[in-house]
């Protein structure tokens, strides 16, 4: 049912996705890597790394409650364990990006192994009848020219971030949310995690963040939508 719902959403959004992909391709060709978008509109992109995991469903519930869209940079070996969550994410309007197969530091690998880490994740995503990722985020934010070039070769834009919540350090949820609300700017790309460890802080901070950003007049969109609206 989740796969059918995802397919229906993709079919319904075909023209929008085509425009978003064109924006991604243009930036990929021009520079290959970004950490934020432009300031044209009061939009931001919330991104979640290292999932899917047992926390992802709750995060999706919160996003749905606040009518917010997000981008999930997922691990291929986690998709195999939690396949329905990424289908649900796409069905609810979110985007699934590439965070490699098993979270290795790609700057320590040769070209062949870098390609394999990216390709195996793509196979995991497309194997669940979801679109091949157009966005890539390197584990640990570890990036060099080779990594960017290999992502580009695979048709993906490397996406970093402009605001790091440091949620992996498990700050108080209220403090994490206050930091995001204080530091946010139009075009920001916010780094959070929905897997890879204890994500109770992220789960608790997310509704506070969404309330605060909505009150401040921000719209939470996917990275492709952000790049299309805020080039």
Protein backbone atom coordinates (compact mmCIF):
# COMPACT_ATOMS: atom_id res chain seq x y z
CA UNK A 1 0.00 0.00 0.00
CA UNK A 2 2.86 2.39 0.82
CA UNK A 3 4.53 1.64 -2.50
CA UNK A 4 1.30 2.34 -4.38
CA UNK A 5 0.79 5.58 -2.46
CA UNK A 6 4.35 6.68 -3.26
CA UNK A 7 3.87 5.87 -6.94
CA UNK A 8 0.62 7.86 -7.00
CA UNK A 9 2.29 10.91 -5.46
CA UNK A 10 5.18 10.73 -7.93
CA UNK A 11 2.76 10.47 -10.84
CA UNK A 12 0.70 13.41 -9.56
CA UNK A 13 3.79 15.57 -9.07
CA UNK A 14 5.43 14.60 -12.36
CA UNK A 15 5.71 18.13 -13.76
CA UNK A 16 6.83 19.65 -10.44
CA UNK A 17 9.47 16.95 -10.04
CA UNK A 18 10.67 17.60 -13.58
CA UNK A 19 11.17 21.30 -12.76
CA UNK A 20 12.91 20.47 -9.46
CA UNK A 21 15.23 17.99 -11.16
CA UNK A 22 16.11 20.56 -13.81
CA UNK A 23 17.11 23.00 -11.06
CA UNK A 24 19.22 20.30 -9.40
CA UNK A 25 20.89 19.35 -12.69
CA UNK A 26 21.74 22.97 -13.43
CA UNK A 27 23.44 23.47 -10.05
CA UNK A 28 25.14 20.07 -10.26
CA UNK A 29 26.67 21.03 -13.59
CA UNK A 30 27.68 24.53 -12.45
CA UNK A 31 29.20 23.89 -9.01
CA UNK A 32 28.44 20.33 -7.88
CA UNK A 33 28.15 21.13 -4.16
CA UNK A 34 26.02 23.48 -2.02
CA UNK A 35 25.45 24.23 1.65
CA UNK A 36 22.49 26.61 1.36
CA UNK A 37 20.10 28.14 -1.14
CA UNK A 38 19.33 31.76 -1.96
CA UNK A 39 17.33 34.19 0.20
CA UNK A 40 14.53 34.90 -2.29
CA UNK A 41 11.73 33.26 -0.29
CA UNK A 42 11.21 32.55 3.40
CA UNK A 43 11.76 28.84 2.94
CA UNK A 44 14.15 26.40 4.63
CA UNK A 45 15.01 22.73 4.19
CA UNK A 46 15.07 20.39 7.16
CA UNK A 47 17.26 17.36 6.46
CA UNK A 48 17.65 14.09 8.36
CA UNK A 49 20.66 11.78 8.06
CA UNK A 50 21.51 8.17 8.95
CA UNK A 51 18.03 6.65 8.81
CA UNK A 52 15.65 5.12 8.35
CA UNK A 53 15.40 3.80 11.90
CA UNK A 54 12.88 3.18 14.65
CA UNK A 55 12.73 6.99 15.13
CA UNK A 56 11.79 7.82 11.53
CA UNK A 57 8.10 6.99 11.85
CA UNK A 58 7.63 9.41 14.73
CA UNK A 59 9.49 12.12 12.85
CA UNK A 60 7.23 11.56 9.84
CA UNK A 61 4.19 11.83 12.14
CA UNK A 62 5.42 15.20 13.45
CA UNK A 63 6.18 16.55 9.98
CA UNK A 64 2.71 15.54 8.82
CA UNK A 65 1.07 17.22 11.82
CA UNK A 66 2.74 20.54 10.98
CA UNK A 67 2.39 20.19 7.19
CA UNK A 68 6.17 20.33 6.76
CA UNK A 69 8.27 18.66 4.08
CA UNK A 70 11.80 17.34 4.60
CA UNK A 71 14.67 15.51 2.92
CA UNK A 72 15.97 12.21 4.25
CA UNK A 73 19.58 11.30 3.42
CA UNK A 74 19.29 7.59 4.04
CA UNK A 75 21.71 4.71 4.33
CA UNK A 76 21.26 1.82 1.93
CA UNK A 77 21.75 -0.85 4.57
CA UNK A 78 19.07 0.79 6.74
CA UNK A 79 16.53 0.89 3.89
CA UNK A 80 16.79 -2.88 3.74
CA UNK A 81 15.82 -3.03 7.42
CA UNK A 82 13.07 -0.36 7.33
CA UNK A 83 11.79 -0.37 3.73
CA UNK A 84 8.24 0.87 4.37
CA UNK A 85 9.39 4.08 6.06
CA UNK A 86 11.04 5.50 2.93
CA UNK A 87 8.04 4.56 0.82
CA UNK A 88 5.86 6.35 3.36
CA UNK A 89 8.17 9.38 3.29
CA UNK A 90 7.84 9.71 -0.49
CA UNK A 91 4.08 9.09 -0.31
CA UNK A 92 3.82 12.03 2.12
CA UNK A 93 5.78 14.40 -0.12
CA UNK A 94 9.28 14.09 1.29
CA UNK A 95 12.46 13.39 -0.68
CA UNK A 96 14.94 10.55 -0.21
CA UNK A 97 18.60 11.36 -0.83
CA UNK A 98 21.79 9.28 -0.84
CA UNK A 99 23.97 8.98 2.29
CA UNK A 100 25.94 5.95 0.99
CA UNK A 101 25.44 2.28 1.76
CA UNK A 102 27.02 2.06 5.22
CA UNK A 103 28.37 5.47 6.29
CA UNK A 104 32.06 5.27 5.47
CA UNK A 105 34.38 8.29 5.27
CA UNK A 106 34.61 8.52 1.49
CA UNK A 107 37.71 10.72 1.57
CA UNK A 108 39.61 7.63 2.74
CA UNK A 109 38.43 5.47 -0.17
CA UNK A 110 39.51 5.14 -3.79
CA UNK A 111 37.25 5.99 -6.74
CA UNK A 112 35.91 2.44 -7.19
CA UNK A 113 34.88 2.08 -3.55
CA UNK A 114 33.32 5.56 -3.52
CA UNK A 115 31.25 4.61 -6.55
CA UNK A 116 30.19 1.36 -4.90
CA UNK A 117 29.07 3.12 -1.71
CA UNK A 118 26.88 5.46 -3.77
CA UNK A 119 25.62 2.86 -6.23
CA UNK A 120 24.62 0.30 -3.60
CA UNK A 121 22.48 2.91 -1.85
CA UNK A 122 20.84 3.85 -5.16
CA UNK A 123 20.07 0.16 -5.76
CA UNK A 124 18.48 -0.09 -2.29
CA UNK A 125 16.23 2.92 -3.01
CA UNK A 126 15.20 1.96 -6.53
CA UNK A 127 14.70 -1.61 -5.35
CA UNK A 128 11.79 -0.29 -3.29
CA UNK A 129 10.23 1.32 -6.41
CA UNK A 130 11.38 4.81 -5.44
CA UNK A 131 13.19 7.32 -7.69
CA UNK A 132 16.98 7.18 -7.88
CA UNK A 133 18.32 9.92 -5.57
CA UNK A 134 19.31 13.23 -7.17
CA UNK A 135 20.88 14.51 -3.94
CA UNK A 136 23.91 13.18 -2.08
CA UNK A 137 25.31 13.92 1.37
CA UNK A 138 28.71 12.50 2.38
CA UNK A 139 28.93 10.78 5.76
CA UNK A 140 30.55 12.95 8.46
CA UNK A 141 30.43 15.83 5.95
CA UNK A 142 33.76 14.44 4.74
CA UNK A 143 34.15 15.66 1.18
CA UNK A 144 36.85 16.24 -1.43
CA UNK A 145 36.98 16.81 -5.18
CA UNK A 146 36.80 13.07 -5.89
CA UNK A 147 33.64 12.63 -3.83
CA UNK A 148 31.91 15.58 -5.51
CA UNK A 149 33.01 14.34 -8.94
CA UNK A 150 31.72 10.81 -8.32
CA UNK A 151 28.38 12.12 -7.05
CA UNK A 152 28.13 14.28 -10.14
CA UNK A 153 29.00 11.29 -12.33
CA UNK A 154 26.07 9.48 -10.72
CA UNK A 155 23.78 12.44 -11.49
CA UNK A 156 23.68 13.74 -7.93
CA UNK A 157 24.25 17.15 -6.35
CA UNK A 158 26.30 17.10 -3.15
CA UNK A 159 24.29 18.80 -0.40
CA UNK A 160 25.96 19.97 2.82
CA UNK A 161 24.26 22.27 5.37
CA UNK A 162 24.31 25.81 6.72
CA UNK A 163 22.92 25.10 10.20
CA UNK A 164 24.09 22.16 12.31
CA UNK A 165 21.83 21.29 15.24
CA UNK A 166 24.51 19.06 16.82
CA UNK A 167 21.67 16.75 17.80
CA UNK A 168 24.08 13.82 18.02
CA UNK A 169 25.51 15.48 21.16
CA UNK A 170 22.05 15.09 22.76
CA UNK A 171 21.47 18.68 23.91
CA UNK A 172 18.25 19.55 25.72
CA UNK A 173 15.41 19.56 23.18
CA UNK A 174 14.42 23.12 24.10
CA UNK A 175 18.00 24.35 23.65
CA UNK A 176 18.34 22.63 20.29
CA UNK A 177 15.08 24.15 19.07
CA UNK A 178 16.02 27.61 20.35
CA UNK A 179 19.32 27.46 18.45
CA UNK A 180 17.59 26.60 15.18
CA UNK A 181 14.95 29.31 15.57
CA UNK A 182 17.60 31.91 16.50
CA UNK A 183 20.02 31.08 13.67
CA UNK A 184 17.62 30.32 10.83
CA UNK A 185 17.76 32.34 7.61
CA UNK A 186 15.90 32.09 4.31
CA UNK A 187 17.50 29.40 2.18
CA UNK A 188 19.00 27.55 5.14
CA UNK A 189 19.65 23.82 5.03
CA UNK A 190 19.35 22.34 8.52
CA UNK A 191 21.19 19.18 9.59
CA UNK A 192 19.47 16.69 11.90
CA UNK A 193 19.46 12.90 12.25
CA UNK A 194 16.72 10.28 12.26
CA UNK A 195 19.06 7.32 12.74
CA UNK A 196 22.55 6.28 13.78
CA UNK A 197 21.98 6.51 17.53
CA UNK A 198 19.66 7.86 20.20
CA UNK A 199 17.41 10.38 18.44
CA UNK A 200 15.01 11.13 21.29
CA UNK A 201 16.34 14.72 21.47
CA UNK A 202 15.67 15.28 17.76
CA UNK A 203 12.20 13.76 18.05
CA UNK A 204 11.35 16.01 21.01
CA UNK A 205 12.88 19.16 19.52
CA UNK A 206 11.23 18.84 16.11
CA UNK A 207 7.70 19.98 17.07
CA UNK A 208 9.16 22.98 18.93
CA UNK A 209 11.24 23.86 15.87
CA UNK A 210 8.28 23.52 13.53
CA UNK A 211 6.04 25.67 15.74
CA UNK A 212 8.72 28.35 16.05
CA UNK A 213 9.60 28.48 12.36
CA UNK A 214 5.94 28.54 11.33
CA UNK A 215 5.28 31.39 13.76
CA UNK A 216 8.27 33.25 12.24
CA UNK A 217 6.71 32.90 8.79
CA UNK A 218 8.91 30.14 7.39
CA UNK A 219 7.81 27.32 5.14
CA UNK A 220 9.60 23.98 5.48
CA UNK A 221 10.23 22.46 2.05
CA UNK A 222 12.33 19.71 0.49
CA UNK A 223 15.81 20.53 -0.79
CA UNK A 224 14.66 20.24 -4.45
CA UNK A 225 11.80 22.68 -3.79
CA UNK A 226 14.17 25.02 -1.97
CA UNK A 227 16.60 25.05 -4.89
CA UNK A 228 13.78 25.71 -7.34
CA UNK A 229 12.26 28.58 -5.32
CA UNK A 230 15.53 30.03 -3.94
CA UNK A 231 18.15 29.51 -6.66
